[in-house]
């Protein structure tokens, strides 16, 4: 059987097309520039969702710093101060748990009760927080859930 050129031509054309597709970029810099350009295009077209909870605290504090020059409501300022003190108590609580001795565990439980009282006071004093600042409301709810969870763990004996 004799092979004719009209039979070989389509095979050669697909071979050269595949080589062109699989040809590596000339350098690492070219590949990097192509990838960075693609990620910049996607990041420019997408908008980030608003942060909530503890992650939203940084955004809320940043907006608070900008808002100080304009008109900051006293309610929001009070809530931010209370949340800051509660977060400081959480740091104290984690340090007491890291100690591990029985006296530090007793102190940690007292700190946990102070945190729970602070969160409850915050919720009672500012019931309309969800309407005015949903991010702060979400943060306060997360603090409440974390406090309740830690209290359950403590009562169950997880830290003994």
Protein backbone atom coordinates (compact mmCIF):
# COMPACT_ATOMS: atom_id res chain seq x y z
CA UNK A 1 0.00 0.00 0.00
CA UNK A 2 1.30 3.35 -0.99
CA UNK A 3 0.83 6.40 1.29
CA UNK A 4 -0.42 9.40 -0.55
CA UNK A 5 0.26 13.01 0.45
CA UNK A 6 -3.43 13.86 0.77
CA UNK A 7 -3.64 11.31 3.61
CA UNK A 8 -0.65 12.73 5.50
CA UNK A 9 -1.56 16.43 5.31
CA UNK A 10 -4.43 16.41 7.92
CA UNK A 11 -2.26 14.46 10.40
CA UNK A 12 0.61 16.92 9.97
CA UNK A 13 -1.71 19.91 10.45
CA UNK A 14 -3.14 18.57 13.73
CA UNK A 15 0.38 17.78 14.93
CA UNK A 16 1.58 21.35 14.38
CA UNK A 17 -1.56 22.75 16.04
CA UNK A 18 -0.95 20.62 19.14
CA UNK A 19 2.69 21.69 19.27
CA UNK A 20 1.62 25.33 19.16
CA UNK A 21 -0.83 24.77 22.05
CA UNK A 22 1.67 22.85 24.16
CA UNK A 23 4.60 25.16 23.45
CA UNK A 24 5.91 26.49 26.78
CA UNK A 25 6.18 30.20 27.39
CA UNK A 26 9.58 31.65 26.71
CA UNK A 27 10.39 32.46 30.34
CA UNK A 28 9.10 32.41 33.87
CA UNK A 29 8.59 36.17 33.71
CA UNK A 30 6.19 35.81 30.78
CA UNK A 31 4.13 33.20 32.63
CA UNK A 32 4.10 35.30 35.79
CA UNK A 33 3.06 38.43 33.91
CA UNK A 34 0.25 36.53 32.21
CA UNK A 35 -1.04 35.11 35.52
CA UNK A 36 -0.77 38.42 37.40
CA UNK A 37 -2.57 40.21 34.59
CA UNK A 38 -5.39 37.65 34.70
CA UNK A 39 -5.75 37.92 38.48
CA UNK A 40 -5.78 41.72 38.33
CA UNK A 41 -8.56 41.61 35.75
CA UNK A 42 -10.68 39.29 37.91
CA UNK A 43 -10.05 41.26 41.09
CA UNK A 44 -10.97 44.49 39.36
CA UNK A 45 -14.27 43.09 38.12
CA UNK A 46 -15.29 41.36 41.34
CA UNK A 47 -16.35 43.21 44.46
CA UNK A 48 -15.70 41.71 47.85
CA UNK A 49 -18.63 40.87 50.10
CA UNK A 50 -18.85 42.80 53.34
CA UNK A 51 -17.07 41.19 56.24
CA UNK A 52 -19.07 40.04 59.21
CA UNK A 53 -18.32 38.89 62.70
CA UNK A 54 -14.83 39.09 64.13
CA UNK A 55 -13.39 39.66 60.67
CA UNK A 56 -15.65 42.69 60.34
CA UNK A 57 -14.16 44.24 63.48
CA UNK A 58 -11.15 45.57 61.59
CA UNK A 59 -13.42 47.03 58.94
CA UNK A 60 -15.66 48.56 61.61
CA UNK A 61 -12.68 50.04 63.44
CA UNK A 62 -11.32 51.46 60.18
CA UNK A 63 -14.66 53.04 59.38
CA UNK A 64 -14.76 54.37 62.92
CA UNK A 65 -11.39 56.09 62.43
CA UNK A 66 -12.64 57.74 59.24
CA UNK A 67 -15.95 58.65 60.84
CA UNK A 68 -14.28 60.43 63.78
CA UNK A 69 -13.58 63.37 61.55
CA UNK A 70 -17.22 63.52 60.53
CA UNK A 71 -20.29 62.67 62.57
CA UNK A 72 -19.90 59.60 64.84
CA UNK A 73 -22.91 58.55 66.84
CA UNK A 74 -22.30 58.13 70.53
CA UNK A 75 -24.13 54.78 70.55
CA UNK A 76 -21.75 53.25 68.04
CA UNK A 77 -18.75 54.63 69.92
CA UNK A 78 -20.05 53.12 73.16
CA UNK A 79 -20.59 49.75 71.51
CA UNK A 80 -17.08 49.81 70.03
CA UNK A 81 -15.57 50.63 73.42
CA UNK A 82 -17.54 47.81 75.07
CA UNK A 83 -16.55 45.34 72.36
CA UNK A 84 -12.92 46.37 72.77
CA UNK A 85 -13.05 45.74 76.53
CA UNK A 86 -14.75 42.36 75.96
CA UNK A 87 -12.05 41.36 73.47
CA UNK A 88 -9.39 42.38 76.01
CA UNK A 89 -11.12 40.11 78.55
CA UNK A 90 -11.02 37.28 75.97
CA UNK A 91 -7.24 37.74 75.71
CA UNK A 92 -6.98 37.62 79.50
CA UNK A 93 -9.15 34.48 79.54
CA UNK A 94 -6.99 32.69 76.97
CA UNK A 95 -3.87 33.55 78.96
CA UNK A 96 -5.43 32.15 82.11
CA UNK A 97 -6.36 28.92 80.32
CA UNK A 98 -2.81 28.59 79.03
CA UNK A 99 -1.54 28.63 82.63
CA UNK A 100 -3.44 25.45 83.43
CA UNK A 101 -3.21 25.55 87.25
CA UNK A 102 -6.38 25.17 89.27
CA UNK A 103 -6.23 28.73 90.65
CA UNK A 104 -5.87 30.12 87.13
CA UNK A 105 -8.79 27.98 85.97
CA UNK A 106 -10.93 29.47 88.74
CA UNK A 107 -9.86 32.94 87.68
CA UNK A 108 -10.56 32.03 84.06
CA UNK A 109 -14.10 30.98 84.94
CA UNK A 110 -14.62 34.32 86.71
CA UNK A 111 -13.32 36.13 83.64
CA UNK A 112 -15.66 34.07 81.45
CA UNK A 113 -18.61 35.09 83.64
CA UNK A 114 -17.53 38.75 83.32
CA UNK A 115 -17.39 38.35 79.54
CA UNK A 116 -20.88 36.83 79.50
CA UNK A 117 -22.22 39.63 81.68
CA UNK A 118 -20.59 42.24 79.43
CA UNK A 119 -22.07 40.72 76.29
CA UNK A 120 -25.53 40.48 77.86
CA UNK A 121 -25.30 44.09 79.07
CA UNK A 122 -24.28 45.16 75.57
CA UNK A 123 -27.26 43.36 74.03
CA UNK A 124 -29.67 44.79 76.62
CA UNK A 125 -28.44 48.38 76.34
CA UNK A 126 -28.44 48.43 72.54
CA UNK A 127 -31.37 46.36 71.24
CA UNK A 128 -31.57 48.35 67.98
CA UNK A 129 -27.93 47.68 67.11
CA UNK A 130 -28.95 45.36 64.27
CA UNK A 131 -30.75 48.20 62.48
CA UNK A 132 -27.96 50.77 62.82
CA UNK A 133 -24.85 48.62 62.46
CA UNK A 134 -25.37 45.03 61.31
CA UNK A 135 -21.64 44.31 61.42
CA UNK A 136 -21.36 45.24 65.08
CA UNK A 137 -24.54 43.31 65.81
CA UNK A 138 -23.06 40.25 64.13
CA UNK A 139 -19.88 40.67 66.15
CA UNK A 140 -21.82 40.89 69.41
CA UNK A 141 -23.79 37.77 68.46
CA UNK A 142 -20.55 35.89 67.73
CA UNK A 143 -19.13 36.96 71.09
CA UNK A 144 -22.30 35.66 72.74
CA UNK A 145 -22.02 32.31 70.95
CA UNK A 146 -18.33 31.99 71.80
CA UNK A 147 -18.99 32.78 75.44
CA UNK A 148 -21.80 30.25 75.69
CA UNK A 149 -19.66 27.60 73.97
CA UNK A 150 -16.74 28.21 76.30
CA UNK A 151 -19.00 28.05 79.33
CA UNK A 152 -20.36 24.68 78.16
CA UNK A 153 -16.81 23.41 77.60
CA UNK A 154 -15.76 24.64 81.02
CA UNK A 155 -18.74 23.04 82.79
CA UNK A 156 -18.21 19.80 80.88
CA UNK A 157 -14.63 19.63 82.18
CA UNK A 158 -12.71 20.04 78.95
CA UNK A 159 -10.04 22.17 80.62
CA UNK A 160 -9.27 19.89 83.58
